C-alpha cells in the first residue's frame, strides 16, 4: 500500500521526516506470497535493486534481505542505490528493523 502525498515532510537538513509521515494500517498477513509486484513501478524498481545487490534472479516481498545473502555492506549499498534512484534518504536501520521490503510498507 502506498499513500500519495503532494510533498514529503522534510527535516531542516532536507531529509525526509519519517515521524511526520501519515500513519496507515496494513495487514501483512493478508497479502499473498507473490514475486515482486511488476504492476507497481516503485516496487518493481526496488525488487530489481534487491536482485542486483543480492545477485539473485528473483525476490519475493516477504524475502528476508539477510537470509538471501545480504549483510551490512550490501545493506548500505542497497540503500545508497535506492536513495540515488528515488532521491530519498532511508536510514540503514530500516533494513535491519524490516529485513523484508514487505515490512517497509508498514514503516
C-alpha atoms as a PDB file:
ATOM      1  CA  UNK A   1       0.000   0.000   0.000  1.00  0.00           C
ATOM      2  CA  UNK A   2       1.245   3.432  -0.880  1.00  0.00           C
ATOM      3  CA  UNK A   3      -0.101   6.746   0.256  1.00  0.00           C
ATOM      4  CA  UNK A   4       0.218   9.561  -2.245  1.00  0.00           C
ATOM      5  CA  UNK A   5       1.382  12.840  -0.747  1.00  0.00           C
ATOM      6  CA  UNK A   6       1.612  16.197  -2.506  1.00  0.00           C
ATOM      7  CA  UNK A   7       5.005  16.774  -0.830  1.00  0.00           C
ATOM      8  CA  UNK A   8       7.183  14.809   1.543  1.00  0.00           C
ATOM      9  CA  UNK A   9       7.664  16.291   5.013  1.00  0.00           C
ATOM     10  CA  UNK A  10      11.281  17.333   5.361  1.00  0.00           C
ATOM     11  CA  UNK A  11      13.540  17.996   8.301  1.00  0.00           C
ATOM     12  CA  UNK A  12      15.583  21.210   8.410  1.00  0.00           C
ATOM     13  CA  UNK A  13      18.547  19.260   6.989  1.00  0.00           C
ATOM     14  CA  UNK A  14      16.498  18.313   3.898  1.00  0.00           C
ATOM     15  CA  UNK A  15      15.983  14.643   4.760  1.00  0.00           C
ATOM     16  CA  UNK A  16      12.525  13.056   4.875  1.00  0.00           C
ATOM     17  CA  UNK A  17      10.920  13.371   8.315  1.00  0.00           C
ATOM     18  CA  UNK A  18       9.675   9.795   8.786  1.00  0.00           C
ATOM     19  CA  UNK A  19       7.852  10.674  12.025  1.00  0.00           C
ATOM     20  CA  UNK A  20       5.779  13.287  10.176  1.00  0.00           C
ATOM     21  CA  UNK A  21       4.557  10.848   7.519  1.00  0.00           C
ATOM     22  CA  UNK A  22       0.903   9.875   7.882  1.00  0.00           C
ATOM     23  CA  UNK A  23       0.252   6.559   9.604  1.00  0.00           C
ATOM     24  CA  UNK A  24      -1.614   3.785   7.828  1.00  0.00           C
ATOM     25  CA  UNK A  25      -2.795   0.331   8.767  1.00  0.00           C
ATOM     26  CA  UNK A  26      -1.602  -2.662   6.770  1.00  0.00           C
ATOM     27  CA  UNK A  27      -2.310  -6.284   7.479  1.00  0.00           C
ATOM     28  CA  UNK A  28       0.770  -8.043   6.154  1.00  0.00           C
ATOM     29  CA  UNK A  29      -0.698 -11.495   6.728  1.00  0.00           C
ATOM     30  CA  UNK A  30      -3.463 -10.912   4.191  1.00  0.00           C
ATOM     31  CA  UNK A  31      -1.087 -10.387   1.254  1.00  0.00           C
ATOM     32  CA  UNK A  32      -0.293 -13.371  -0.958  1.00  0.00           C
ATOM     33  CA  UNK A  33       3.276 -14.593  -1.359  1.00  0.00           C
ATOM     34  CA  UNK A  34       3.938 -13.269  -4.852  1.00  0.00           C
ATOM     35  CA  UNK A  35       7.130 -12.240  -6.605  1.00  0.00           C
ATOM     36  CA  UNK A  36       7.872  -8.566  -6.811  1.00  0.00           C
ATOM     37  CA  UNK A  37       4.850  -6.609  -7.996  1.00  0.00           C
ATOM     38  CA  UNK A  38       5.522  -5.874 -11.655  1.00  0.00           C
ATOM     39  CA  UNK A  39       2.329  -3.833 -11.937  1.00  0.00           C
ATOM     40  CA  UNK A  40       3.700  -1.307  -9.440  1.00  0.00           C
ATOM     41  CA  UNK A  41       6.677   0.586 -10.883  1.00  0.00           C
ATOM     42  CA  UNK A  42       8.131   1.595  -7.495  1.00  0.00           C
ATOM     43  CA  UNK A  43       8.067  -1.955  -6.130  1.00  0.00           C
ATOM     44  CA  UNK A  44       9.461  -3.259  -9.417  1.00  0.00           C
ATOM     45  CA  UNK A  45      12.443  -0.908  -9.184  1.00  0.00           C
ATOM     46  CA  UNK A  46      13.019  -1.853  -5.532  1.00  0.00           C
ATOM     47  CA  UNK A  47      12.867  -5.547  -6.437  1.00  0.00           C
ATOM     48  CA  UNK A  48      15.332  -5.017  -9.283  1.00  0.00           C
ATOM     49  CA  UNK A  49      17.729  -3.231  -6.922  1.00  0.00           C
ATOM     50  CA  UNK A  50      17.442  -6.078  -4.394  1.00  0.00           C
ATOM     51  CA  UNK A  51      18.178  -8.620  -7.150  1.00  0.00           C
ATOM     52  CA  UNK A  52      21.137  -6.555  -8.383  1.00  0.00           C
ATOM     53  CA  UNK A  53      22.719  -6.106  -4.938  1.00  0.00           C
ATOM     54  CA  UNK A  54      21.986  -9.644  -3.723  1.00  0.00           C
ATOM     55  CA  UNK A  55      22.872 -11.199  -7.096  1.00  0.00           C
ATOM     56  CA  UNK A  56      19.722 -13.333  -7.205  1.00  0.00           C
ATOM     57  CA  UNK A  57      17.273 -13.951 -10.053  1.00  0.00           C
ATOM     58  CA  UNK A  58      14.029 -13.448  -8.109  1.00  0.00           C
ATOM     59  CA  UNK A  59      12.866 -11.842  -4.904  1.00  0.00           C
ATOM     60  CA  UNK A  60       9.559 -12.016  -3.128  1.00  0.00           C
ATOM     61  CA  UNK A  61       8.097  -9.285  -0.978  1.00  0.00           C
ATOM     62  CA  UNK A  62       8.384 -11.447   2.131  1.00  0.00           C
ATOM     63  CA  UNK A  63      12.019 -12.467   1.464  1.00  0.00           C
ATOM     64  CA  UNK A  64      14.477 -11.575   4.193  1.00  0.00           C
ATOM     65  CA  UNK A  65      17.368  -9.492   2.865  1.00  0.00           C
ATOM     66  CA  UNK A  66      19.862 -11.174   5.187  1.00  0.00           C
ATOM     67  CA  UNK A  67      18.568 -14.696   4.502  1.00  0.00           C
ATOM     68  CA  UNK A  68      19.214 -14.074   0.785  1.00  0.00           C
ATOM     69  CA  UNK A  69      22.875 -13.325   1.466  1.00  0.00           C
ATOM     70  CA  UNK A  70      22.670  -9.692   2.442  1.00  0.00           C
ATOM     71  CA  UNK A  71      24.955  -8.207   5.078  1.00  0.00           C
ATOM     72  CA  UNK A  72      25.722  -4.746   6.426  1.00  0.00           C
ATOM     73  CA  UNK A  73      27.849  -3.645   3.461  1.00  0.00           C
ATOM     74  CA  UNK A  74      25.236  -4.812   0.956  1.00  0.00           C
ATOM     75  CA  UNK A  75      22.555  -3.074   3.055  1.00  0.00           C
ATOM     76  CA  UNK A  76      24.431   0.214   2.798  1.00  0.00           C
ATOM     77  CA  UNK A  77      24.937  -0.308  -0.932  1.00  0.00           C
ATOM     78  CA  UNK A  78      21.240  -1.118  -1.442  1.00  0.00           C
ATOM     79  CA  UNK A  79      20.022   1.917   0.473  1.00  0.00           C
ATOM     80  CA  UNK A  80      22.513   4.132  -1.374  1.00  0.00           C
ATOM     81  CA  UNK A  81      21.144   2.865  -4.722  1.00  0.00           C
ATOM     82  CA  UNK A  82      17.541   3.382  -3.559  1.00  0.00           C
ATOM     83  CA  UNK A  83      18.429   6.904  -2.412  1.00  0.00           C
ATOM     84  CA  UNK A  84      20.113   7.573  -5.762  1.00  0.00           C
ATOM     85  CA  UNK A  85      17.143   6.320  -7.805  1.00  0.00           C
ATOM     86  CA  UNK A  86      14.313   7.829  -5.750  1.00  0.00           C
ATOM     87  CA  UNK A  87      16.143  10.861  -4.329  1.00  0.00           C
ATOM     88  CA  UNK A  88      15.002   9.874  -0.810  1.00  0.00           C
ATOM     89  CA  UNK A  89      17.238   9.095   2.141  1.00  0.00           C
ATOM     90  CA  UNK A  90      16.490   5.896   4.054  1.00  0.00           C
ATOM     91  CA  UNK A  91      18.179   5.130   7.361  1.00  0.00           C
ATOM     92  CA  UNK A  92      20.239   1.931   7.389  1.00  0.00           C
ATOM     93  CA  UNK A  93      18.244   0.888  10.458  1.00  0.00           C
ATOM     94  CA  UNK A  94      15.180   0.458   8.198  1.00  0.00           C
ATOM     95  CA  UNK A  95      16.639  -2.677   6.632  1.00  0.00           C
ATOM     96  CA  UNK A  96      17.673  -4.137   9.984  1.00  0.00           C
ATOM     97  CA  UNK A  97      14.246  -3.420  11.538  1.00  0.00           C
ATOM     98  CA  UNK A  98      12.312  -4.700   8.500  1.00  0.00           C
ATOM     99  CA  UNK A  99      14.560  -7.056   6.503  1.00  0.00           C
ATOM    100  CA  UNK A 100      11.731  -7.926   4.072  1.00  0.00           C
ATOM    101  CA  UNK A 101      10.654  -4.966   1.975  1.00  0.00           C
ATOM    102  CA  UNK A 102       7.099  -6.083   2.606  1.00  0.00           C
ATOM    103  CA  UNK A 103       7.746  -4.729   6.119  1.00  0.00           C
ATOM    104  CA  UNK A 104       8.763  -1.352   4.694  1.00  0.00           C
ATOM    105  CA  UNK A 105       5.169  -0.762   3.790  1.00  0.00           C
ATOM    106  CA  UNK A 106       4.268  -0.533   7.465  1.00  0.00           C
ATOM    107  CA  UNK A 107       7.195   1.727   8.401  1.00  0.00           C
END
